[in-house]
Amino acid sequence: MNDAITWLCAYAFDRNINVTLDKLSFSTDVPSCMFGRSIIINTNWKNQNELPFIIAHEIGHVLNEDEGKLYYSTSTAHSKFETAANERAIDLLLEYCDHEDFLPNNYIDFMELYGIPRYVEEKVKKCFMRVQLEIHSGY
């Protein structure tokens, strides 16, 4: 998990995204926040296994240029921004796996390894299967 976090922070740095990892004392219920091209990750988050996904998700928001849009949008639009950030996070974690030349045996193991919540399981399944097809077809 720490290797994935280190890789994600370096990935962000290379794209001019500032990542601050901080053990926020005021809450274990707030995983992260974003300000422009800076994100703060609460390392005091109640489920430590979710940190790689949380970091990748917040990087996704920055790359998708969501800052400001989340606060002034309808619930439907907000849901679309969150879905897009989740998709970006999944792709980032799959890119990390490619970088490490290690892909878990199945998408469930992938989800457990990087703390990906069950509510994005269908999207993970599709992305994971796409990567497996690319590997087996020689791309």
N, C-alpha and C. Protein backbone atom coordinates (compact mmCIF):
# COMPACT_ATOMS: atom_id res chain seq x y z
N MET A 1 0.82 -1.19 0.00
CA MET A 1 0.00 0.00 0.00
C MET A 1 0.86 1.26 0.00
N ASN A 2 1.92 1.29 0.82
CA ASN A 2 2.78 2.48 0.87
C ASN A 2 3.47 2.74 -0.46
N ASP A 3 3.84 1.68 -1.19
CA ASP A 3 4.46 1.87 -2.50
C ASP A 3 3.48 2.53 -3.47
N ALA A 4 2.23 2.13 -3.41
CA ALA A 4 1.21 2.74 -4.27
C ALA A 4 1.03 4.21 -3.92
N ILE A 5 1.01 4.52 -2.64
CA ILE A 5 0.86 5.91 -2.19
C ILE A 5 2.05 6.74 -2.67
N THR A 6 3.25 6.21 -2.52
CA THR A 6 4.45 6.92 -2.98
C THR A 6 4.39 7.17 -4.48
N TRP A 7 3.99 6.16 -5.25
CA TRP A 7 3.89 6.30 -6.70
C TRP A 7 2.84 7.35 -7.07
N LEU A 8 1.69 7.32 -6.41
CA LEU A 8 0.63 8.29 -6.70
C LEU A 8 1.08 9.72 -6.39
N CYS A 9 1.81 9.89 -5.29
CA CYS A 9 2.31 11.23 -4.94
C CYS A 9 3.32 11.72 -5.98
N ALA A 10 4.19 10.82 -6.45
CA ALA A 10 5.15 11.19 -7.49
C ALA A 10 4.43 11.50 -8.80
N TYR A 11 3.42 10.72 -9.13
CA TYR A 11 2.61 10.95 -10.33
C TYR A 11 1.99 12.34 -10.27
N ALA A 12 1.43 12.67 -9.12
CA ALA A 12 0.81 14.00 -8.93
C ALA A 12 1.86 15.09 -9.06
N PHE A 13 3.00 14.92 -8.40
CA PHE A 13 4.07 15.91 -8.45
C PHE A 13 4.50 16.20 -9.88
N ASP A 14 4.63 15.14 -10.68
CA ASP A 14 5.04 15.29 -12.08
C ASP A 14 4.02 16.08 -12.90
N ARG A 15 2.81 16.21 -12.38
CA ARG A 15 1.74 16.94 -13.07
C ARG A 15 1.36 18.23 -12.35
N ASN A 16 2.30 18.70 -11.53
CA ASN A 16 2.12 19.95 -10.78
C ASN A 16 0.90 19.92 -9.86
N ILE A 17 0.68 18.79 -9.24
CA ILE A 17 -0.38 18.65 -8.25
C ILE A 17 0.30 18.47 -6.90
N ASN A 18 -0.02 19.33 -5.96
CA ASN A 18 0.55 19.25 -4.62
C ASN A 18 -0.29 18.31 -3.76
N VAL A 19 0.35 17.30 -3.19
CA VAL A 19 -0.33 16.37 -2.31
C VAL A 19 0.25 16.52 -0.91
N THR A 20 -0.62 16.77 0.05
CA THR A 20 -0.21 16.84 1.44
C THR A 20 -0.85 15.68 2.18
N LEU A 21 -0.02 14.86 2.80
CA LEU A 21 -0.51 13.76 3.63
C LEU A 21 -0.39 14.23 5.07
N ASP A 22 -1.51 14.28 5.78
CA ASP A 22 -1.49 14.82 7.14
C ASP A 22 -2.46 14.05 8.02
N LYS A 23 -2.03 13.78 9.22
CA LYS A 23 -2.88 13.10 10.19
C LYS A 23 -3.76 14.15 10.84
N LEU A 24 -4.89 14.45 10.21
CA LEU A 24 -5.79 15.48 10.72
C LEU A 24 -6.45 15.00 12.00
N SER A 25 -6.30 15.78 13.04
CA SER A 25 -6.79 15.35 14.35
C SER A 25 -8.27 15.58 14.55
N PHE A 26 -8.88 16.47 13.74
CA PHE A 26 -10.26 16.83 14.00
C PHE A 26 -11.29 15.81 13.55
N SER A 27 -10.93 14.91 12.65
CA SER A 27 -11.94 13.98 12.18
C SER A 27 -11.33 12.77 11.49
N THR A 28 -11.93 11.63 11.78
CA THR A 28 -11.59 10.43 11.02
C THR A 28 -12.68 10.17 9.98
N ASP A 29 -13.64 11.10 9.86
CA ASP A 29 -14.74 10.95 8.91
C ASP A 29 -14.56 11.77 7.64
N VAL A 30 -13.49 12.54 7.54
CA VAL A 30 -13.22 13.35 6.35
C VAL A 30 -11.95 12.80 5.71
N PRO A 31 -12.09 12.14 4.54
CA PRO A 31 -10.91 11.51 3.95
C PRO A 31 -9.95 12.46 3.25
N SER A 32 -10.49 13.57 2.67
CA SER A 32 -9.64 14.42 1.85
C SER A 32 -10.37 15.70 1.48
N CYS A 33 -9.59 16.64 0.94
CA CYS A 33 -10.19 17.85 0.37
C CYS A 33 -9.26 18.37 -0.73
N MET A 34 -9.81 19.24 -1.58
CA MET A 34 -9.08 19.72 -2.74
C MET A 34 -9.23 21.23 -2.85
N PHE A 35 -8.13 21.90 -3.14
CA PHE A 35 -8.11 23.34 -3.38
C PHE A 35 -7.25 23.59 -4.61
N GLY A 36 -7.87 23.91 -5.72
CA GLY A 36 -7.10 24.14 -6.94
C GLY A 36 -6.32 22.89 -7.33
N ARG A 37 -5.01 23.02 -7.42
CA ARG A 37 -4.16 21.87 -7.77
C ARG A 37 -3.48 21.29 -6.53
N SER A 38 -4.11 21.48 -5.39
CA SER A 38 -3.59 20.93 -4.13
C SER A 38 -4.65 20.05 -3.49
N ILE A 39 -4.20 18.93 -2.97
CA ILE A 39 -5.11 18.05 -2.24
C ILE A 39 -4.50 17.73 -0.88
N ILE A 40 -5.36 17.58 0.09
CA ILE A 40 -4.94 17.19 1.44
C ILE A 40 -5.59 15.85 1.73
N ILE A 41 -4.78 14.90 2.11
CA ILE A 41 -5.26 13.56 2.42
C ILE A 41 -5.15 13.34 3.92
N ASN A 42 -6.24 12.98 4.54
CA ASN A 42 -6.28 12.71 5.97
C ASN A 42 -5.77 11.29 6.22
N THR A 43 -4.53 11.18 6.68
CA THR A 43 -3.96 9.86 6.96
C THR A 43 -4.51 9.28 8.26
N ASN A 44 -5.38 10.04 8.92
CA ASN A 44 -6.09 9.56 10.11
C ASN A 44 -7.45 8.98 9.72
N TRP A 45 -7.64 8.74 8.43
CA TRP A 45 -8.89 8.20 7.91
C TRP A 45 -9.20 6.86 8.57
N LYS A 46 -10.47 6.63 8.85
CA LYS A 46 -10.88 5.45 9.61
C LYS A 46 -10.54 4.12 8.94
N ASN A 47 -10.46 4.08 7.60
CA ASN A 47 -10.09 2.86 6.90
C ASN A 47 -8.81 3.10 6.11
N GLN A 48 -7.70 2.78 6.71
CA GLN A 48 -6.38 3.02 6.11
C GLN A 48 -6.21 2.33 4.76
N ASN A 49 -6.85 1.18 4.57
CA ASN A 49 -6.72 0.46 3.30
C ASN A 49 -7.28 1.24 2.12
N GLU A 50 -8.16 2.21 2.37
CA GLU A 50 -8.76 3.00 1.30
C GLU A 50 -7.89 4.17 0.83
N LEU A 51 -6.79 4.43 1.52
CA LEU A 51 -5.98 5.61 1.18
C LEU A 51 -5.48 5.63 -0.27
N PRO A 52 -5.00 4.52 -0.85
CA PRO A 52 -4.58 4.61 -2.26
C PRO A 52 -5.73 5.06 -3.18
N PHE A 53 -6.92 4.50 -2.97
CA PHE A 53 -8.04 4.90 -3.82
C PHE A 53 -8.43 6.36 -3.57
N ILE A 54 -8.43 6.79 -2.32
CA ILE A 54 -8.78 8.18 -1.99
C ILE A 54 -7.81 9.14 -2.67
N ILE A 55 -6.52 8.85 -2.59
CA ILE A 55 -5.51 9.71 -3.22
C ILE A 55 -5.72 9.73 -4.74
N ALA A 56 -5.88 8.56 -5.34
CA ALA A 56 -6.09 8.48 -6.78
C ALA A 56 -7.37 9.22 -7.19
N HIS A 57 -8.41 9.11 -6.38
CA HIS A 57 -9.69 9.79 -6.65
C HIS A 57 -9.51 11.31 -6.64
N GLU A 58 -8.80 11.82 -5.65
CA GLU A 58 -8.58 13.27 -5.57
C GLU A 58 -7.68 13.76 -6.71
N ILE A 59 -6.67 12.98 -7.07
CA ILE A 59 -5.85 13.32 -8.24
C ILE A 59 -6.76 13.37 -9.47
N GLY A 60 -7.69 12.43 -9.55
CA GLY A 60 -8.64 12.42 -10.65
C GLY A 60 -9.45 13.70 -10.74
N HIS A 61 -9.91 14.21 -9.59
CA HIS A 61 -10.65 15.48 -9.59
C HIS A 61 -9.79 16.61 -10.16
N VAL A 62 -8.53 16.67 -9.74
CA VAL A 62 -7.65 17.74 -10.23
C VAL A 62 -7.43 17.59 -11.73
N LEU A 63 -7.11 16.39 -12.18
CA LEU A 63 -6.88 16.17 -13.61
C LEU A 63 -8.13 16.45 -14.44
N ASN A 64 -9.30 16.20 -13.85
CA ASN A 64 -10.57 16.46 -14.54
C ASN A 64 -11.01 17.92 -14.41
N GLU A 65 -10.19 18.71 -13.69
CA GLU A 65 -10.46 20.14 -13.47
C GLU A 65 -11.84 20.37 -12.84
N ASP A 66 -12.12 19.61 -11.79
CA ASP A 66 -13.41 19.69 -11.10
C ASP A 66 -13.48 20.77 -10.04
N GLU A 67 -12.36 21.35 -9.65
CA GLU A 67 -12.34 22.32 -8.55
C GLU A 67 -13.36 23.41 -8.79
N GLY A 68 -14.20 23.65 -7.79
CA GLY A 68 -15.23 24.68 -7.89
C GLY A 68 -16.53 24.15 -8.45
N LYS A 69 -16.46 23.25 -9.41
CA LYS A 69 -17.67 22.71 -10.03
C LYS A 69 -18.49 21.89 -9.03
N LEU A 70 -17.79 21.21 -8.13
CA LEU A 70 -18.48 20.32 -7.19
C LEU A 70 -19.40 21.08 -6.25
N TYR A 71 -19.03 22.29 -5.92
CA TYR A 71 -19.78 23.05 -4.92
C TYR A 71 -20.96 23.81 -5.51
N TYR A 72 -20.97 23.99 -6.81
CA TYR A 72 -22.01 24.80 -7.45
C TYR A 72 -22.79 24.01 -8.48
N SER A 73 -22.91 22.72 -8.28
CA SER A 73 -23.58 21.89 -9.27
C SER A 73 -24.79 21.18 -8.65
N THR A 74 -25.66 20.71 -9.52
CA THR A 74 -26.81 19.93 -9.07
C THR A 74 -26.32 18.58 -8.57
N SER A 75 -27.18 17.85 -7.89
CA SER A 75 -26.76 16.54 -7.40
C SER A 75 -26.45 15.59 -8.55
N THR A 76 -27.16 15.72 -9.66
CA THR A 76 -26.88 14.89 -10.83
C THR A 76 -25.50 15.19 -11.40
N ALA A 77 -25.19 16.47 -11.55
CA ALA A 77 -23.86 16.86 -12.05
C ALA A 77 -22.78 16.44 -11.07
N HIS A 78 -23.03 16.63 -9.77
CA HIS A 78 -22.06 16.23 -8.74
C HIS A 78 -21.77 14.74 -8.86
N SER A 79 -22.81 13.95 -9.06
CA SER A 79 -22.64 12.51 -9.21
C SER A 79 -21.77 12.18 -10.43
N LYS A 80 -21.94 12.92 -11.52
CA LYS A 80 -21.11 12.71 -12.72
C LYS A 80 -19.65 13.03 -12.45
N PHE A 81 -19.39 14.12 -11.69
CA PHE A 81 -18.01 14.46 -11.34
C PHE A 81 -17.38 13.37 -10.49
N GLU A 82 -18.14 12.85 -9.53
CA GLU A 82 -17.63 11.79 -8.65
C GLU A 82 -17.37 10.52 -9.45
N THR A 83 -18.28 10.18 -10.34
CA THR A 83 -18.10 8.98 -11.18
C THR A 83 -16.86 9.11 -12.05
N ALA A 84 -16.67 10.28 -12.64
CA ALA A 84 -15.48 10.51 -13.49
C ALA A 84 -14.20 10.42 -12.67
N ALA A 85 -14.21 10.96 -11.44
CA ALA A 85 -13.02 10.88 -10.57
C ALA A 85 -12.76 9.43 -10.17
N ASN A 86 -13.82 8.67 -9.92
CA ASN A 86 -13.66 7.24 -9.60
C ASN A 86 -13.03 6.49 -10.76
N GLU A 87 -13.52 6.77 -11.97
CA GLU A 87 -12.97 6.11 -13.16
C GLU A 87 -11.50 6.47 -13.35
N ARG A 88 -11.17 7.73 -13.14
CA ARG A 88 -9.77 8.17 -13.26
C ARG A 88 -8.93 7.47 -12.20
N ALA A 89 -9.45 7.34 -10.99
CA ALA A 89 -8.72 6.67 -9.90
C ALA A 89 -8.44 5.21 -10.25
N ILE A 90 -9.44 4.53 -10.78
CA ILE A 90 -9.26 3.13 -11.17
C ILE A 90 -8.17 3.03 -12.24
N ASP A 91 -8.24 3.90 -13.24
CA ASP A 91 -7.22 3.89 -14.30
C ASP A 91 -5.82 4.19 -13.75
N LEU A 92 -5.73 5.13 -12.80
CA LEU A 92 -4.43 5.44 -12.19
C LEU A 92 -3.87 4.23 -11.45
N LEU A 93 -4.71 3.54 -10.70
CA LEU A 93 -4.24 2.37 -9.96
C LEU A 93 -3.87 1.23 -10.90
N LEU A 94 -4.58 1.10 -12.01
CA LEU A 94 -4.18 0.11 -13.01
C LEU A 94 -2.87 0.50 -13.68
N GLU A 95 -2.67 1.80 -13.88
CA GLU A 95 -1.39 2.28 -14.42
C GLU A 95 -0.25 1.97 -13.45
N TYR A 96 -0.52 2.14 -12.15
CA TYR A 96 0.48 1.78 -11.14
C TYR A 96 0.82 0.29 -11.25
N CYS A 97 -0.20 -0.55 -11.38
CA CYS A 97 0.04 -1.99 -11.52
C CYS A 97 0.91 -2.28 -12.74
N ASP A 98 0.63 -1.59 -13.84
CA ASP A 98 1.43 -1.76 -15.05
C ASP A 98 2.88 -1.33 -14.79
N HIS A 99 3.04 -0.21 -14.11
CA HIS A 99 4.38 0.30 -13.77
C HIS A 99 5.15 -0.72 -12.93
N GLU A 100 4.46 -1.37 -12.02
CA GLU A 100 5.09 -2.37 -11.14
C GLU A 100 5.15 -3.75 -11.78
N ASP A 101 4.58 -3.87 -12.98
CA ASP A 101 4.50 -5.16 -13.68
C ASP A 101 3.83 -6.22 -12.81
N PHE A 102 2.74 -5.80 -12.17
CA PHE A 102 1.99 -6.70 -11.29
C PHE A 102 0.51 -6.38 -11.40
N LEU A 103 -0.24 -7.34 -11.86
CA LEU A 103 -1.69 -7.20 -11.91
C LEU A 103 -2.27 -8.32 -11.05
N PRO A 104 -3.08 -7.97 -10.04
CA PRO A 104 -3.69 -9.03 -9.22
C PRO A 104 -4.45 -10.03 -10.09
N ASN A 105 -4.70 -11.20 -9.53
CA ASN A 105 -5.33 -12.28 -10.29
C ASN A 105 -6.72 -11.95 -10.79
N ASN A 106 -7.46 -11.13 -10.05
CA ASN A 106 -8.82 -10.79 -10.45
C ASN A 106 -9.19 -9.41 -9.91
N TYR A 107 -10.31 -8.90 -10.39
CA TYR A 107 -10.69 -7.53 -10.02
C TYR A 107 -11.05 -7.40 -8.54
N ILE A 108 -11.53 -8.47 -7.91
CA ILE A 108 -11.85 -8.42 -6.47
C ILE A 108 -10.56 -8.24 -5.68
N ASP A 109 -9.52 -8.99 -6.01
CA ASP A 109 -8.22 -8.83 -5.35
C ASP A 109 -7.68 -7.42 -5.57
N PHE A 110 -7.85 -6.89 -6.78
CA PHE A 110 -7.42 -5.52 -7.09
C PHE A 110 -8.14 -4.52 -6.19
N MET A 111 -9.45 -4.69 -6.05
CA MET A 111 -10.23 -3.78 -5.21
C MET A 111 -9.78 -3.84 -3.76
N GLU A 112 -9.56 -5.04 -3.25
CA GLU A 112 -9.14 -5.21 -1.86
C GLU A 112 -7.75 -4.65 -1.63
N LEU A 113 -6.86 -4.85 -2.58
CA LEU A 113 -5.47 -4.40 -2.44
C LEU A 113 -5.36 -2.89 -2.34
N TYR A 114 -6.19 -2.16 -3.10
CA TYR A 114 -6.10 -0.70 -3.14
C TYR A 114 -7.26 0.02 -2.46
N GLY A 115 -8.06 -0.70 -1.69
CA GLY A 115 -9.12 -0.08 -0.90
C GLY A 115 -10.22 0.55 -1.73
N ILE A 116 -10.56 -0.08 -2.83
CA ILE A 116 -11.60 0.45 -3.71
C ILE A 116 -12.96 0.01 -3.17
N PRO A 117 -13.86 0.97 -2.95
CA PRO A 117 -15.17 0.62 -2.37
C PRO A 117 -16.04 -0.21 -3.33
N ARG A 118 -16.90 -1.00 -2.74
CA ARG A 118 -17.77 -1.91 -3.50
C ARG A 118 -18.72 -1.18 -4.46
N TYR A 119 -19.09 0.06 -4.15
CA TYR A 119 -20.06 0.74 -5.00
C TYR A 119 -19.51 1.05 -6.40
N VAL A 120 -18.22 0.88 -6.62
CA VAL A 120 -17.66 1.07 -7.97
C VAL A 120 -17.24 -0.26 -8.60
N GLU A 121 -17.74 -1.35 -8.04
CA GLU A 121 -17.32 -2.68 -8.48
C GLU A 121 -17.54 -2.91 -9.98
N GLU A 122 -18.69 -2.52 -10.51
CA GLU A 122 -18.96 -2.75 -11.94
C GLU A 122 -17.96 -2.01 -12.83
N LYS A 123 -17.63 -0.79 -12.46
CA LYS A 123 -16.66 -0.01 -13.23
C LYS A 123 -15.27 -0.66 -13.13
N VAL A 124 -14.90 -1.11 -11.94
CA VAL A 124 -13.61 -1.79 -11.76
C VAL A 124 -13.56 -3.04 -12.62
N LYS A 125 -14.63 -3.80 -12.59
CA LYS A 125 -14.69 -5.04 -13.36
C LYS A 125 -14.45 -4.76 -14.85
N LYS A 126 -15.12 -3.73 -15.40
CA LYS A 126 -14.95 -3.39 -16.82
C LYS A 126 -13.53 -2.95 -17.12
N CYS A 127 -12.98 -2.08 -16.29
CA CYS A 127 -11.61 -1.58 -16.51
C CYS A 127 -10.59 -2.70 -16.38
N PHE A 128 -10.77 -3.55 -15.38
CA PHE A 128 -9.85 -4.66 -15.14
C PHE A 128 -9.87 -5.63 -16.32
N MET A 129 -11.07 -5.93 -16.80
CA MET A 129 -11.19 -6.85 -17.94
C MET A 129 -10.57 -6.25 -19.20
N ARG A 130 -10.71 -4.94 -19.38
CA ARG A 130 -10.09 -4.26 -20.52
C ARG A 130 -8.57 -4.43 -20.48
N VAL A 131 -7.99 -4.24 -19.29
CA VAL A 131 -6.54 -4.37 -19.14
C VAL A 131 -6.11 -5.81 -19.40
N GLN A 132 -6.87 -6.77 -18.88
CA GLN A 132 -6.53 -8.17 -19.12
C GLN A 132 -6.57 -8.50 -20.62
N LEU A 133 -7.55 -7.97 -21.33
CA LEU A 133 -7.63 -8.19 -22.78
C LEU A 133 -6.43 -7.59 -23.49
N GLU A 134 -6.02 -6.40 -23.07
CA GLU A 134 -4.85 -5.74 -23.67
C GLU A 134 -3.60 -6.58 -23.46
N ILE A 135 -3.47 -7.13 -22.26
CA ILE A 135 -2.29 -7.95 -21.94
C ILE A 135 -2.28 -9.21 -22.81
N HIS A 136 -3.42 -9.86 -22.90
CA HIS A 136 -3.48 -11.12 -23.64
C HIS A 136 -3.46 -10.94 -25.15
N SER A 137 -3.82 -9.75 -25.62
CA SER A 137 -3.78 -9.52 -27.06
C SER A 137 -2.45 -8.92 -27.51
N GLY A 138 -1.56 -8.65 -26.55
CA GLY A 138 -0.22 -8.20 -26.88
C GLY A 138 -0.03 -6.71 -27.04
N TYR A 139 -0.93 -5.89 -26.54
CA TYR A 139 -0.76 -4.43 -26.64
C TYR A 139 0.23 -3.92 -25.65
